[in-house]
Amino acid sequence: MKNLFRNFLLLTVVHYVLLSSSLSFGTDWKTIDKEIEWAEKWYIDGEIYEAQTYCFEFNEGDSIKFLEGTPGLCVSAKFIKRYSNDICEVWCN
């Protein structure tokens, strides 16, 4: 009975930690501050990002989330547009 309770408690704690980390991961939505060149370059949080191809769906004021790459510390990155789920692969300048 003690082992059962200990295992239950351990699983509950592990579940809580995993759930809370997955909920907080990637919820940092950013806004495209300025579109420098249409479908090609954007200014986001003080950094310039240039599309690897064209990303016609991304405009000034759009809300995006980085899926790959660390904003400000990357060579390339990938972000997704909120609500439409369009994805853009970019070079970080």
PDB file of N, CA and C in Angstrom:
ATOM      1  N   MET A   1       0.820  -1.199   0.000  1.00  0.00           N
ATOM      2  CA  MET A   1       0.000   0.000   0.000  1.00  0.00           C
ATOM      3  C   MET A   1       0.865   1.265   0.000  1.00  0.00           C
ATOM      4  N   LYS A   2       1.969   1.227   0.780  1.00  0.00           N
ATOM      5  CA  LYS A   2       2.870   2.376   0.803  1.00  0.00           C
ATOM      6  C   LYS A   2       3.488   2.622  -0.562  1.00  0.00           C
ATOM      7  N   ASN A   3       3.907   1.532  -1.222  1.00  0.00           N
ATOM      8  CA  ASN A   3       4.512   1.674  -2.551  1.00  0.00           C
ATOM      9  C   ASN A   3       3.514   2.215  -3.561  1.00  0.00           C
ATOM     10  N   LEU A   4       2.295   1.767  -3.468  1.00  0.00           N
ATOM     11  CA  LEU A   4       1.258   2.248  -4.373  1.00  0.00           C
ATOM     12  C   LEU A   4       1.041   3.750  -4.205  1.00  0.00           C
ATOM     13  N   PHE A   5       0.958   4.203  -2.968  1.00  0.00           N
ATOM     14  CA  PHE A   5       0.768   5.626  -2.703  1.00  0.00           C
ATOM     15  C   PHE A   5       1.990   6.423  -3.165  1.00  0.00           C
ATOM     16  N   ARG A   6       3.189   5.919  -2.892  1.00  0.00           N
ATOM     17  CA  ARG A   6       4.416   6.609  -3.297  1.00  0.00           C
ATOM     18  C   ARG A   6       4.491   6.719  -4.822  1.00  0.00           C
ATOM     19  N   ASN A   7       4.158   5.635  -5.516  1.00  0.00           N
ATOM     20  CA  ASN A   7       4.169   5.658  -6.982  1.00  0.00           C
ATOM     21  C   ASN A   7       3.131   6.632  -7.529  1.00  0.00           C
ATOM     22  N   PHE A   8       1.963   6.633  -6.917  1.00  0.00           N
ATOM     23  CA  PHE A   8       0.910   7.559  -7.335  1.00  0.00           C
ATOM     24  C   PHE A   8       1.368   9.001  -7.150  1.00  0.00           C
ATOM     25  N   LEU A   9       1.967   9.282  -5.999  1.00  0.00           N
ATOM     26  CA  LEU A   9       2.448  10.622  -5.713  1.00  0.00           C
ATOM     27  C   LEU A   9       3.550  11.026  -6.687  1.00  0.00           C
ATOM     28  N   LEU A  10       4.464  10.130  -6.956  1.00  0.00           N
ATOM     29  CA  LEU A  10       5.545  10.396  -7.896  1.00  0.00           C
ATOM     30  C   LEU A  10       5.006  10.676  -9.298  1.00  0.00           C
ATOM     31  N   LEU A  11       4.075   9.858  -9.759  1.00  0.00           N
ATOM     32  CA  LEU A  11       3.475  10.069 -11.079  1.00  0.00           C
ATOM     33  C   LEU A  11       2.714  11.387 -11.150  1.00  0.00           C
ATOM     34  N   THR A  12       2.055  11.746 -10.082  1.00  0.00           N
ATOM     35  CA  THR A  12       1.316  13.012 -10.040  1.00  0.00           C
ATOM     36  C   THR A  12       2.275  14.197 -10.170  1.00  0.00           C
ATOM     37  N   VAL A  13       3.380  14.138  -9.447  1.00  0.00           N
ATOM     38  CA  VAL A  13       4.364  15.218  -9.511  1.00  0.00           C
ATOM     39  C   VAL A  13       4.984  15.288 -10.903  1.00  0.00           C
ATOM     40  N   VAL A  14       5.370  14.160 -11.468  1.00  0.00           N
ATOM     41  CA  VAL A  14       5.964  14.128 -12.808  1.00  0.00           C
ATOM     42  C   VAL A  14       4.966  14.663 -13.830  1.00  0.00           C
ATOM     43  N   HIS A  15       3.724  14.236 -13.742  1.00  0.00           N
ATOM     44  CA  HIS A  15       2.682  14.705 -14.652  1.00  0.00           C
ATOM     45  C   HIS A  15       2.523  16.224 -14.553  1.00  0.00           C
ATOM     46  N   TYR A  16       2.498  16.738 -13.342  1.00  0.00           N
ATOM     47  CA  TYR A  16       2.355  18.182 -13.138  1.00  0.00           C
ATOM     48  C   TYR A  16       3.518  18.944 -13.759  1.00  0.00           C
ATOM     49  N   VAL A  17       4.748  18.463 -13.535  1.00  0.00           N
ATOM     50  CA  VAL A  17       5.928  19.138 -14.079  1.00  0.00           C
ATOM     51  C   VAL A  17       5.905  19.121 -15.602  1.00  0.00           C
ATOM     52  N   LEU A  18       5.592  17.979 -16.195  1.00  0.00           N
ATOM     53  CA  LEU A  18       5.541  17.884 -17.653  1.00  0.00           C
ATOM     54  C   LEU A  18       4.435  18.747 -18.237  1.00  0.00           C
ATOM     55  N   LEU A  19       3.286  18.723 -17.605  1.00  0.00           N
ATOM     56  CA  LEU A  19       2.153  19.510 -18.096  1.00  0.00           C
ATOM     57  C   LEU A  19       2.446  20.997 -17.986  1.00  0.00           C
ATOM     58  N   SER A  20       2.979  21.443 -16.871  1.00  0.00           N
ATOM     59  CA  SER A  20       3.236  22.868 -16.709  1.00  0.00           C
ATOM     60  C   SER A  20       4.338  23.342 -17.647  1.00  0.00           C
ATOM     61  N   SER A  21       5.342  22.508 -17.899  1.00  0.00           N
ATOM     62  CA  SER A  21       6.403  22.931 -18.816  1.00  0.00           C
ATOM     63  C   SER A  21       5.903  22.942 -20.248  1.00  0.00           C
ATOM     64  N   SER A  22       5.044  22.002 -20.625  1.00  0.00           N
ATOM     65  CA  SER A  22       4.538  21.998 -21.993  1.00  0.00           C
ATOM     66  C   SER A  22       3.574  23.148 -22.234  1.00  0.00           C
ATOM     67  N   LEU A  23       2.857  23.564 -21.199  1.00  0.00           N
ATOM     68  CA  LEU A  23       1.949  24.694 -21.367  1.00  0.00           C
ATOM     69  C   LEU A  23       2.706  26.004 -21.491  1.00  0.00           C
ATOM     70  N   SER A  24       3.838  26.110 -20.805  1.00  0.00           N
ATOM     71  CA  SER A  24       4.579  27.361 -20.864  1.00  0.00           C
ATOM     72  C   SER A  24       5.517  27.411 -22.062  1.00  0.00           C
ATOM     73  N   PHE A  25       5.886  26.248 -22.618  1.00  0.00           N
ATOM     74  CA  PHE A  25       6.807  26.231 -23.749  1.00  0.00           C
ATOM     75  C   PHE A  25       6.133  26.790 -24.988  1.00  0.00           C
ATOM     76  N   GLY A  26       6.796  27.731 -25.610  1.00  0.00           N
ATOM     77  CA  GLY A  26       6.314  28.244 -26.872  1.00  0.00           C
ATOM     78  C   GLY A  26       5.086  29.125 -26.795  1.00  0.00           C
ATOM     79  N   THR A  27       4.740  29.609 -25.621  1.00  0.00           N
ATOM     80  CA  THR A  27       3.567  30.473 -25.532  1.00  0.00           C
ATOM     81  C   THR A  27       3.959  31.938 -25.626  1.00  0.00           C
ATOM     82  N   ASP A  28       5.219  32.198 -25.930  1.00  0.00           N
ATOM     83  CA  ASP A  28       5.702  33.563 -26.023  1.00  0.00           C
ATOM     84  C   ASP A  28       5.425  34.109 -27.418  1.00  0.00           C
ATOM     85  N   TRP A  29       4.225  34.640 -27.609  1.00  0.00           N
ATOM     86  CA  TRP A  29       3.848  35.200 -28.896  1.00  0.00           C
ATOM     87  C   TRP A  29       4.492  36.565 -29.056  1.00  0.00           C
ATOM     88  N   LYS A  30       4.992  36.843 -30.237  1.00  0.00           N
ATOM     89  CA  LYS A  30       5.622  38.118 -30.548  1.00  0.00           C
ATOM     90  C   LYS A  30       4.850  38.779 -31.681  1.00  0.00           C
ATOM     91  N   THR A  31       5.058  40.065 -31.831  1.00  0.00           N
ATOM     92  CA  THR A  31       4.387  40.810 -32.883  1.00  0.00           C
ATOM     93  C   THR A  31       5.418  41.281 -33.906  1.00  0.00           C
ATOM     94  N   ILE A  32       5.060  41.159 -35.173  1.00  0.00           N
ATOM     95  CA  ILE A  32       5.931  41.701 -36.223  1.00  0.00           C
ATOM     96  C   ILE A  32       5.825  43.214 -36.131  1.00  0.00           C
ATOM     97  N   ASP A  33       6.926  43.830 -35.689  1.00  0.00           N
ATOM     98  CA  ASP A  33       6.918  45.276 -35.451  1.00  0.00           C
ATOM     99  C   ASP A  33       6.860  46.082 -36.735  1.00  0.00           C
ATOM    100  N   LYS A  34       7.607  45.625 -37.754  1.00  0.00           N
ATOM    101  CA  LYS A  34       7.652  46.375 -39.001  1.00  0.00           C
ATOM    102  C   LYS A  34       7.980  45.433 -40.151  1.00  0.00           C
ATOM    103  N   GLU A  35       7.307  45.638 -41.254  1.00  0.00           N
ATOM    104  CA  GLU A  35       7.616  44.890 -42.475  1.00  0.00           C
ATOM    105  C   GLU A  35       8.564  45.758 -43.301  1.00  0.00           C
ATOM    106  N   ILE A  36       9.816  45.289 -43.444  1.00  0.00           N
ATOM    107  CA  ILE A  36      10.835  46.077 -44.143  1.00  0.00           C
ATOM    108  C   ILE A  36      10.690  45.916 -45.651  1.00  0.00           C
ATOM    109  N   GLU A  37      10.552  44.685 -46.102  1.00  0.00           N
ATOM    110  CA  GLU A  37      10.295  44.393 -47.509  1.00  0.00           C
ATOM    111  C   GLU A  37       9.142  43.396 -47.563  1.00  0.00           C
ATOM    112  N   TRP A  38       8.152  43.672 -48.383  1.00  0.00           N
ATOM    113  CA  TRP A  38       6.958  42.841 -48.441  1.00  0.00           C
ATOM    114  C   TRP A  38       7.312  41.385 -48.706  1.00  0.00           C
ATOM    115  N   ALA A  39       6.850  40.504 -47.840  1.00  0.00           N
ATOM    116  CA  ALA A  39       7.005  39.056 -47.937  1.00  0.00           C
ATOM    117  C   ALA A  39       8.458  38.578 -47.845  1.00  0.00           C
ATOM    118  N   GLU A  40       9.383  39.494 -47.481  1.00  0.00           N
ATOM    119  CA  GLU A  40      10.792  39.095 -47.442  1.00  0.00           C
ATOM    120  C   GLU A  40      11.523  39.426 -46.142  1.00  0.00           C
ATOM    121  N   LYS A  41      11.276  40.594 -45.547  1.00  0.00           N
ATOM    122  CA  LYS A  41      12.025  41.015 -44.356  1.00  0.00           C
ATOM    123  C   LYS A  41      11.107  41.639 -43.321  1.00  0.00           C
ATOM    124  N   TRP A  42      11.369  41.282 -42.042  1.00  0.00           N
ATOM    125  CA  TRP A  42      10.572  41.798 -40.939  1.00  0.00           C
ATOM    126  C   TRP A  42      11.466  42.193 -39.785  1.00  0.00           C
ATOM    127  N   TYR A  43      11.007  43.147 -39.017  1.00  0.00           N
ATOM    128  CA  TYR A  43      11.672  43.600 -37.807  1.00  0.00           C
ATOM    129  C   TYR A  43      10.837  43.085 -36.637  1.00  0.00           C
ATOM    130  N   ILE A  44      11.423  42.204 -35.813  1.00  0.00           N
ATOM    131  CA  ILE A  44      10.705  41.595 -34.687  1.00  0.00           C
ATOM    132  C   ILE A  44      11.589  41.697 -33.450  1.00  0.00           C
ATOM    133  N   ASP A  45      11.103  42.372 -32.429  1.00  0.00           N
ATOM    134  CA  ASP A  45      11.837  42.518 -31.157  1.00  0.00           C
ATOM    135  C   ASP A  45      13.278  42.966 -31.340  1.00  0.00           C
ATOM    136  N   GLY A  46      13.489  43.945 -32.185  1.00  0.00           N
ATOM    137  CA  GLY A  46      14.822  44.509 -32.359  1.00  0.00           C
ATOM    138  C   GLY A  46      15.737  43.735 -33.287  1.00  0.00           C
ATOM    139  N   GLU A  47      15.239  42.682 -33.891  1.00  0.00           N
ATOM    140  CA  GLU A  47      16.039  41.858 -34.802  1.00  0.00           C
ATOM    141  C   GLU A  47      15.402  41.848 -36.188  1.00  0.00           C
ATOM    142  N   ILE A  48      16.236  41.675 -37.213  1.00  0.00           N
ATOM    143  CA  ILE A  48      15.739  41.594 -38.588  1.00  0.00           C
ATOM    144  C   ILE A  48      15.774  40.129 -39.029  1.00  0.00           C
ATOM    145  N   TYR A  49      14.693  39.677 -39.619  1.00  0.00           N
ATOM    146  CA  TYR A  49      14.571  38.314 -40.130  1.00  0.00           C
ATOM    147  C   TYR A  49      14.236  38.385 -41.608  1.00  0.00           C
ATOM    148  N   GLU A  50      14.944  37.582 -42.403  1.00  0.00           N
ATOM    149  CA  GLU A  50      14.747  37.571 -43.850  1.00  0.00           C
ATOM    150  C   GLU A  50      14.257  36.200 -44.286  1.00  0.00           C
ATOM    151  N   ALA A  51      13.195  36.179 -45.078  1.00  0.00           N
ATOM    152  CA  ALA A  51      12.593  34.921 -45.532  1.00  0.00           C
ATOM    153  C   ALA A  51      13.567  34.123 -46.389  1.00  0.00           C
ATOM    154  N   GLN A  52      13.593  32.810 -46.169  1.00  0.00           N
ATOM    155  CA  GLN A  52      14.415  31.939 -47.017  1.00  0.00           C
ATOM    156  C   GLN A  52      13.773  31.801 -48.388  1.00  0.00           C
ATOM    157  N   THR A  53      12.458  31.844 -48.422  1.00  0.00           N
ATOM    158  CA  THR A  53      11.683  31.952 -49.667  1.00  0.00           C
ATOM    159  C   THR A  53      10.737  33.126 -49.429  1.00  0.00           C
ATOM    160  N   TYR A  54       9.634  33.208 -50.097  1.00  0.00           N
ATOM    161  CA  TYR A  54       8.675  34.278 -49.839  1.00  0.00           C
ATOM    162  C   TYR A  54       7.650  33.810 -48.819  1.00  0.00           C
ATOM    163  N   CYS A  55       7.274  34.698 -47.924  1.00  0.00           N
ATOM    164  CA  CYS A  55       6.240  34.414 -46.915  1.00  0.00           C
ATOM    165  C   CYS A  55       5.171  35.492 -47.036  1.00  0.00           C
ATOM    166  N   PHE A  56       4.288  35.326 -48.012  1.00  0.00           N
ATOM    167  CA  PHE A  56       3.289  36.347 -48.345  1.00  0.00           C
ATOM    168  C   PHE A  56       2.277  36.589 -47.232  1.00  0.00           C
ATOM    169  N   GLU A  57       2.076  35.602 -46.358  1.00  0.00           N
ATOM    170  CA  GLU A  57       1.032  35.693 -45.337  1.00  0.00           C
ATOM    171  C   GLU A  57       1.426  36.521 -44.123  1.00  0.00           C
ATOM    172  N   PHE A  58       2.693  36.921 -44.019  1.00  0.00           N
ATOM    173  CA  PHE A  58       3.190  37.595 -42.817  1.00  0.00           C
ATOM    174  C   PHE A  58       3.311  39.089 -43.044  1.00  0.00           C
ATOM    175  N   ASN A  59       2.634  39.862 -42.165  1.00  0.00           N
ATOM    176  CA  ASN A  59       2.575  41.312 -42.318  1.00  0.00           C
ATOM    177  C   ASN A  59       2.816  42.011 -40.987  1.00  0.00           C
ATOM    178  N   GLU A  60       3.100  43.284 -41.068  1.00  0.00           N
ATOM    179  CA  GLU A  60       3.272  44.103 -39.875  1.00  0.00           C
ATOM    180  C   GLU A  60       2.054  43.971 -38.964  1.00  0.00           C
ATOM    181  N   GLY A  61       2.301  43.773 -37.668  1.00  0.00           N
ATOM    182  CA  GLY A  61       1.223  43.659 -36.695  1.00  0.00           C
ATOM    183  C   GLY A  61       0.774  42.231 -36.432  1.00  0.00           C
ATOM    184  N   ASP A  62       1.189  41.280 -37.268  1.00  0.00           N
ATOM    185  CA  ASP A  62       0.809  39.876 -37.062  1.00  0.00           C
ATOM    186  C   ASP A  62       1.460  39.314 -35.810  1.00  0.00           C
ATOM    187  N   SER A  63       0.761  38.400 -35.176  1.00  0.00           N
ATOM    188  CA  SER A  63       1.260  37.710 -33.995  1.00  0.00           C
ATOM    189  C   SER A  63       1.899  36.390 -34.431  1.00  0.00           C
ATOM    190  N   ILE A  64       3.158  36.178 -34.016  1.00  0.00           N
ATOM    191  CA  ILE A  64       3.888  34.974 -34.425  1.00  0.00           C
ATOM    192  C   ILE A  64       4.532  34.317 -33.208  1.00  0.00           C
ATOM    193  N   LYS A  65       4.890  33.035 -33.382  1.00  0.00           N
ATOM    194  CA  LYS A  65       5.600  32.292 -32.343  1.00  0.00           C
ATOM    195  C   LYS A  65       6.745  31.543 -33.003  1.00  0.00           C
ATOM    196  N   PHE A  66       7.923  31.602 -32.406  1.00  0.00           N
ATOM    197  CA  PHE A  66       9.078  30.886 -32.940  1.00  0.00           C
ATOM    198  C   PHE A  66       8.955  29.400 -32.639  1.00  0.00           C
ATOM    199  N   LEU A  67       9.073  28.573 -33.676  1.00  0.00           N
ATOM    200  CA  LEU A  67       9.052  27.124 -33.523  1.00  0.00           C
ATOM    201  C   LEU A  67      10.467  26.574 -33.461  1.00  0.00           C
ATOM    202  N   GLU A  68      11.373  27.202 -34.184  1.00  0.00           N
ATOM    203  CA  GLU A  68      12.782  26.810 -34.216  1.00  0.00           C
ATOM    204  C   GLU A  68      13.631  28.069 -34.171  1.00  0.00           C
ATOM    205  N   GLY A  69      14.807  27.947 -33.589  1.00  0.00           N
ATOM    206  CA  GLY A  69      15.702  29.089 -33.488  1.00  0.00           C
ATOM    207  C   GLY A  69      15.364  29.931 -32.275  1.00  0.00           C
ATOM    208  N   THR A  70      16.370  30.552 -31.727  1.00  0.00           N
ATOM    209  CA  THR A  70      16.183  31.433 -30.581  1.00  0.00           C
ATOM    210  C   THR A  70      16.225  32.871 -31.072  1.00  0.00           C
ATOM    211  N   PRO A  71      15.172  33.637 -30.848  1.00  0.00           N
ATOM    212  CA  PRO A  71      15.155  35.021 -31.322  1.00  0.00           C
ATOM    213  C   PRO A  71      16.393  35.780 -30.845  1.00  0.00           C
ATOM    214  N   GLY A  72      17.104  36.368 -31.786  1.00  0.00           N
ATOM    215  CA  GLY A  72      18.291  37.140 -31.469  1.00  0.00           C
ATOM    216  C   GLY A  72      19.575  36.328 -31.404  1.00  0.00           C
ATOM    217  N   LEU A  73      19.469  35.007 -31.341  1.00  0.00           N
ATOM    218  CA  LEU A  73      20.650  34.141 -31.223  1.00  0.00           C
ATOM    219  C   LEU A  73      20.566  32.987 -32.205  1.00  0.00           C
ATOM    220  N   CYS A  74      20.331  33.282 -33.468  1.00  0.00           N
ATOM    221  CA  CYS A  74      20.139  32.196 -34.420  1.00  0.00           C
ATOM    222  C   CYS A  74      20.737  32.536 -35.775  1.00  0.00           C
ATOM    223  N   VAL A  75      20.929  31.500 -36.563  1.00  0.00           N
ATOM    224  CA  VAL A  75      21.329  31.658 -37.962  1.00  0.00           C
ATOM    225  C   VAL A  75      20.083  31.551 -38.824  1.00  0.00           C
ATOM    226  N   SER A  76      19.241  30.583 -38.474  1.00  0.00           N
ATOM    227  CA  SER A  76      17.949  30.434 -39.150  1.00  0.00           C
ATOM    228  C   SER A  76      16.895  30.150 -38.093  1.00  0.00           C
ATOM    229  N   ALA A  77      15.650  30.366 -38.472  1.00  0.00           N
ATOM    230  CA  ALA A  77      14.538  30.155 -37.548  1.00  0.00           C
ATOM    231  C   ALA A  77      13.285  29.820 -38.345  1.00  0.00           C
ATOM    232  N   LYS A  78      12.286  29.388 -37.611  1.00  0.00           N
ATOM    233  CA  LYS A  78      10.987  29.095 -38.217  1.00  0.00           C
ATOM    234  C   LYS A  78       9.937  29.638 -37.257  1.00  0.00           C
ATOM    235  N   PHE A  79       8.979  30.402 -37.795  1.00  0.00           N
ATOM    236  CA  PHE A  79       7.890  30.854 -36.944  1.00  0.00           C
ATOM    237  C   PHE A  79       6.540  30.588 -37.575  1.00  0.00           C
ATOM    238  N   ILE A  80       5.526  30.592 -36.718  1.00  0.00           N
ATOM    239  CA  ILE A  80       4.163  30.279 -37.133  1.00  0.00           C
ATOM    240  C   ILE A  80       3.277  31.477 -36.826  1.00  0.00           C
ATOM    241  N   LYS A  81       2.324  31.721 -37.705  1.00  0.00           N
ATOM    242  CA  LYS A  81       1.399  32.840 -37.533  1.00  0.00           C
ATOM    243  C   LYS A  81       0.203  32.373 -36.707  1.00  0.00           C
ATOM    244  N   ARG A  82      -0.141  33.166 -35.733  1.00  0.00           N
ATOM    245  CA  ARG A  82      -1.279  32.841 -34.861  1.00  0.00           C
ATOM    246  C   ARG A  82      -2.572  32.826 -35.679  1.00  0.00           C
ATOM    247  N   TYR A  83      -3.434  31.909 -35.356  1.00  0.00           N
ATOM    248  CA  TYR A  83      -4.764  31.718 -35.940  1.00  0.00           C
ATOM    249  C   TYR A  83      -4.756  31.038 -37.307  1.00  0.00           C
ATOM    250  N   SER A  84      -3.840  31.413 -38.211  1.00  0.00           N
ATOM    251  CA  SER A  84      -3.848  30.783 -39.534  1.00  0.00           C
ATOM    252  C   SER A  84      -2.879  29.604 -39.605  1.00  0.00           C
ATOM    253  N   ASN A  85      -1.921  29.555 -38.667  1.00  0.00           N
ATOM    254  CA  ASN A  85      -0.896  28.502 -38.618  1.00  0.00           C
ATOM    255  C   ASN A  85       0.006  28.467 -39.854  1.00  0.00           C
ATOM    256  N   ASP A  86       0.118  29.581 -40.573  1.00  0.00           N
ATOM    257  CA  ASP A  86       1.087  29.665 -41.669  1.00  0.00           C
ATOM    258  C   ASP A  86       2.488  29.654 -41.068  1.00  0.00           C
ATOM    259  N   ILE A  87       3.421  29.033 -41.758  1.00  0.00           N
ATOM    260  CA  ILE A  87       4.789  28.906 -41.269  1.00  0.00           C
ATOM    261  C   ILE A  87       5.747  29.604 -42.218  1.00  0.00           C
ATOM    262  N   CYS A  88       6.753  30.259 -41.664  1.00  0.00           N
ATOM    263  CA  CYS A  88       7.774  30.933 -42.458  1.00  0.00           C
ATOM    264  C   CYS A  88       9.152  30.548 -41.927  1.00  0.00           C
ATOM    265  N   GLU A  89      10.035  30.163 -42.856  1.00  0.00           N
ATOM    266  CA  GLU A  89      11.421  29.876 -42.509  1.00  0.00           C
ATOM    267  C   GLU A  89      12.256  31.087 -42.886  1.00  0.00           C
ATOM    268  N   VAL A  90      13.086  31.537 -41.941  1.00  0.00           N
ATOM    269  CA  VAL A  90      13.813  32.790 -42.121  1.00  0.00           C
ATOM    270  C   VAL A  90      15.289  32.638 -41.784  1.00  0.00           C
ATOM    271  N   TRP A  91      16.065  33.599 -42.269  1.00  0.00           N
ATOM    272  CA  TRP A  91      17.459  33.775 -41.862  1.00  0.00           C
ATOM    273  C   TRP A  91      17.459  34.859 -40.803  1.00  0.00           C
ATOM    274  N   CYS A  92      18.277  34.686 -39.797  1.00  0.00           N
ATOM    275  CA  CYS A  92      18.394  35.690 -38.736  1.00  0.00           C
ATOM    276  C   CYS A  92      19.570  36.604 -39.048  1.00  0.00           C
ATOM    277  N   ASN A  93      19.352  37.914 -39.009  1.00  0.00           N
ATOM    278  CA  ASN A  93      20.441  38.877 -39.273  1.00  0.00           C
ATOM    279  C   ASN A  93      20.956  39.441 -37.978  1.00  0.00           C
TER     280      ASN A  93
END
